[in-house]
């Protein structure tokens, strides 16, 4: 059960794009180039993952009216 919860905490790029309302893959990778995307984890197979907590914090930082 813990491993499943840990996997659920790590989002694929596709899941992140869906959470962001359909942002394109190209835009996400451009944000990465510019240092604007949420921090990612690169797995040994080269795939990227984003922790749910990191994505949530990243979104909070970009909320309009954020201090």
N, C-alpha and C. Protein backbone atom coordinates (compact mmCIF):
# COMPACT_ATOMS: atom_id res chain seq x y z
N UNK A 1 0.82 -1.20 0.00
CA UNK A 1 0.00 0.00 0.00
C UNK A 1 0.86 1.27 0.00
N UNK A 2 1.96 1.24 0.73
CA UNK A 2 2.85 2.41 0.79
C UNK A 2 3.45 2.70 -0.59
N UNK A 3 3.86 1.65 -1.30
CA UNK A 3 4.44 1.84 -2.64
C UNK A 3 3.41 2.46 -3.58
N UNK A 4 2.17 2.05 -3.49
CA UNK A 4 1.12 2.60 -4.34
C UNK A 4 0.90 4.08 -4.01
N UNK A 5 0.90 4.42 -2.72
CA UNK A 5 0.76 5.82 -2.33
C UNK A 5 1.94 6.64 -2.82
N UNK A 6 3.13 6.07 -2.77
CA UNK A 6 4.32 6.76 -3.23
C UNK A 6 4.22 7.02 -4.74
N UNK A 7 3.75 6.01 -5.49
CA UNK A 7 3.58 6.18 -6.95
C UNK A 7 2.54 7.25 -7.25
N UNK A 8 1.47 7.29 -6.45
CA UNK A 8 0.42 8.28 -6.67
C UNK A 8 0.94 9.68 -6.41
N UNK A 9 1.96 9.80 -5.56
CA UNK A 9 2.56 11.10 -5.25
C UNK A 9 3.45 11.58 -6.39
N UNK A 10 3.90 10.68 -7.25
CA UNK A 10 4.75 11.03 -8.39
C UNK A 10 3.91 11.06 -9.66
N UNK A 11 3.78 12.23 -10.24
CA UNK A 11 2.95 12.40 -11.43
C UNK A 11 3.81 12.32 -12.69
N UNK A 12 3.27 11.71 -13.71
CA UNK A 12 3.94 11.70 -15.01
C UNK A 12 3.76 13.09 -15.65
N UNK A 13 4.53 13.35 -16.69
CA UNK A 13 4.38 14.62 -17.40
C UNK A 13 2.96 14.74 -17.94
N UNK A 14 2.43 13.65 -18.49
CA UNK A 14 1.06 13.67 -19.03
C UNK A 14 0.05 14.05 -17.93
N UNK A 15 0.21 13.48 -16.74
CA UNK A 15 -0.70 13.80 -15.62
C UNK A 15 -0.57 15.27 -15.21
N UNK A 16 0.64 15.78 -15.22
CA UNK A 16 0.86 17.20 -14.89
C UNK A 16 0.17 18.07 -15.94
N UNK A 17 0.34 17.73 -17.21
CA UNK A 17 -0.28 18.51 -18.28
C UNK A 17 -1.80 18.50 -18.14
N UNK A 18 -2.36 17.35 -17.81
CA UNK A 18 -3.81 17.26 -17.59
C UNK A 18 -4.25 18.12 -16.42
N UNK A 19 -3.46 18.09 -15.33
CA UNK A 19 -3.77 18.90 -14.15
C UNK A 19 -3.75 20.39 -14.49
N UNK A 20 -2.90 20.76 -15.43
CA UNK A 20 -2.77 22.16 -15.83
C UNK A 20 -3.78 22.55 -16.91
N UNK A 21 -4.73 21.71 -17.15
CA UNK A 21 -5.79 22.05 -18.08
C UNK A 21 -5.44 21.87 -19.54
N UNK A 22 -4.51 20.96 -19.81
CA UNK A 22 -4.21 20.67 -21.19
C UNK A 22 -3.06 21.48 -21.78
N UNK A 23 -2.16 21.97 -20.93
CA UNK A 23 -0.95 22.65 -21.44
C UNK A 23 -0.22 21.65 -22.34
N UNK A 24 0.35 22.14 -23.43
CA UNK A 24 1.01 21.23 -24.36
C UNK A 24 2.34 20.74 -23.79
N UNK A 25 2.75 19.57 -24.27
CA UNK A 25 4.03 18.99 -23.87
C UNK A 25 5.17 19.94 -24.24
N UNK A 26 5.08 20.53 -25.42
CA UNK A 26 6.10 21.48 -25.88
C UNK A 26 6.24 22.67 -24.92
N UNK A 27 5.09 23.20 -24.49
CA UNK A 27 5.11 24.33 -23.56
C UNK A 27 5.75 23.92 -22.24
N UNK A 28 5.40 22.74 -21.74
CA UNK A 28 5.97 22.27 -20.48
C UNK A 28 7.49 22.17 -20.59
N UNK A 29 8.00 21.60 -21.67
CA UNK A 29 9.45 21.46 -21.82
C UNK A 29 10.12 22.81 -22.05
N UNK A 30 9.42 23.73 -22.68
CA UNK A 30 9.95 25.10 -22.82
C UNK A 30 10.06 25.75 -21.44
N UNK A 31 9.02 25.57 -20.61
CA UNK A 31 9.08 26.09 -19.24
C UNK A 31 10.28 25.51 -18.51
N UNK A 32 10.56 24.22 -18.73
CA UNK A 32 11.72 23.59 -18.10
C UNK A 32 13.01 24.26 -18.56
N UNK A 33 13.12 24.52 -19.86
CA UNK A 33 14.31 25.19 -20.39
C UNK A 33 14.51 26.56 -19.76
N UNK A 34 13.41 27.24 -19.48
CA UNK A 34 13.47 28.59 -18.93
C UNK A 34 13.50 28.60 -17.40
N UNK A 35 13.43 27.43 -16.78
CA UNK A 35 13.44 27.35 -15.32
C UNK A 35 12.12 27.76 -14.70
N UNK A 36 11.03 27.66 -15.46
CA UNK A 36 9.71 28.09 -14.98
C UNK A 36 8.80 26.94 -14.56
N UNK A 37 9.15 25.73 -14.91
CA UNK A 37 8.32 24.56 -14.62
C UNK A 37 8.56 24.09 -13.19
N UNK A 38 7.63 23.29 -12.66
CA UNK A 38 7.88 22.71 -11.34
C UNK A 38 9.08 21.77 -11.39
N UNK A 39 9.77 21.63 -10.28
CA UNK A 39 10.94 20.75 -10.20
C UNK A 39 10.54 19.32 -10.53
N UNK A 40 11.38 18.67 -11.31
CA UNK A 40 11.11 17.30 -11.74
C UNK A 40 12.16 16.34 -11.19
N UNK A 41 11.79 15.08 -11.16
CA UNK A 41 12.69 13.98 -10.82
C UNK A 41 12.91 13.20 -12.10
N UNK A 42 14.17 12.99 -12.46
CA UNK A 42 14.47 12.18 -13.64
C UNK A 42 14.76 10.76 -13.17
N UNK A 43 13.96 9.81 -13.65
CA UNK A 43 14.13 8.41 -13.30
C UNK A 43 15.29 7.82 -14.10
N UNK A 44 15.82 6.67 -13.67
CA UNK A 44 16.93 6.04 -14.39
C UNK A 44 16.61 5.76 -15.87
N UNK A 45 15.34 5.57 -16.19
CA UNK A 45 14.97 5.31 -17.58
C UNK A 45 14.80 6.59 -18.40
N UNK A 46 15.07 7.75 -17.76
CA UNK A 46 15.00 9.03 -18.45
C UNK A 46 13.66 9.74 -18.34
N UNK A 47 12.64 9.05 -17.85
CA UNK A 47 11.32 9.67 -17.72
C UNK A 47 11.32 10.66 -16.56
N UNK A 48 10.44 11.66 -16.67
CA UNK A 48 10.32 12.66 -15.62
C UNK A 48 9.10 12.40 -14.76
N UNK A 49 9.22 12.77 -13.50
CA UNK A 49 8.09 12.72 -12.57
C UNK A 49 8.09 14.02 -11.78
N UNK A 50 6.90 14.43 -11.35
CA UNK A 50 6.75 15.62 -10.50
C UNK A 50 5.99 15.19 -9.25
N UNK A 51 6.54 15.53 -8.10
CA UNK A 51 5.82 15.22 -6.86
C UNK A 51 4.56 16.08 -6.78
N UNK A 52 3.46 15.46 -6.36
CA UNK A 52 2.20 16.20 -6.24
C UNK A 52 2.37 17.42 -5.34
N UNK A 53 3.10 17.27 -4.24
CA UNK A 53 3.30 18.39 -3.32
C UNK A 53 4.05 19.54 -4.01
N UNK A 54 5.01 19.20 -4.86
CA UNK A 54 5.77 20.23 -5.60
C UNK A 54 4.85 20.94 -6.58
N UNK A 55 4.02 20.18 -7.30
CA UNK A 55 3.09 20.79 -8.25
C UNK A 55 2.10 21.70 -7.53
N UNK A 56 1.56 21.24 -6.41
CA UNK A 56 0.61 22.06 -5.66
C UNK A 56 1.25 23.36 -5.17
N UNK A 57 2.48 23.27 -4.66
CA UNK A 57 3.19 24.47 -4.19
C UNK A 57 3.48 25.40 -5.36
N UNK A 58 3.89 24.83 -6.50
CA UNK A 58 4.18 25.61 -7.70
C UNK A 58 2.93 26.37 -8.14
N UNK A 59 1.78 25.70 -8.12
CA UNK A 59 0.53 26.35 -8.50
C UNK A 59 0.15 27.45 -7.51
N UNK A 60 0.32 27.19 -6.22
CA UNK A 60 0.02 28.20 -5.20
C UNK A 60 0.87 29.45 -5.41
N UNK A 61 2.14 29.27 -5.74
CA UNK A 61 3.03 30.41 -5.96
C UNK A 61 2.59 31.25 -7.14
N UNK A 62 1.85 30.66 -8.06
CA UNK A 62 1.42 31.38 -9.25
C UNK A 62 -0.02 31.87 -9.18
N UNK A 63 -0.67 31.64 -8.06
CA UNK A 63 -2.06 32.08 -7.91
C UNK A 63 -2.11 33.61 -7.95
N UNK A 64 -3.08 34.14 -8.66
CA UNK A 64 -3.22 35.59 -8.73
C UNK A 64 -3.55 36.12 -7.35
N UNK A 65 -2.90 37.18 -7.00
CA UNK A 65 -3.11 37.76 -5.68
C UNK A 65 -2.23 37.11 -4.63
N UNK A 66 -1.33 36.19 -5.03
CA UNK A 66 -0.43 35.55 -4.08
C UNK A 66 0.56 36.58 -3.56
N UNK A 67 0.87 36.44 -2.30
CA UNK A 67 1.78 37.42 -1.67
C UNK A 67 3.22 37.20 -2.10
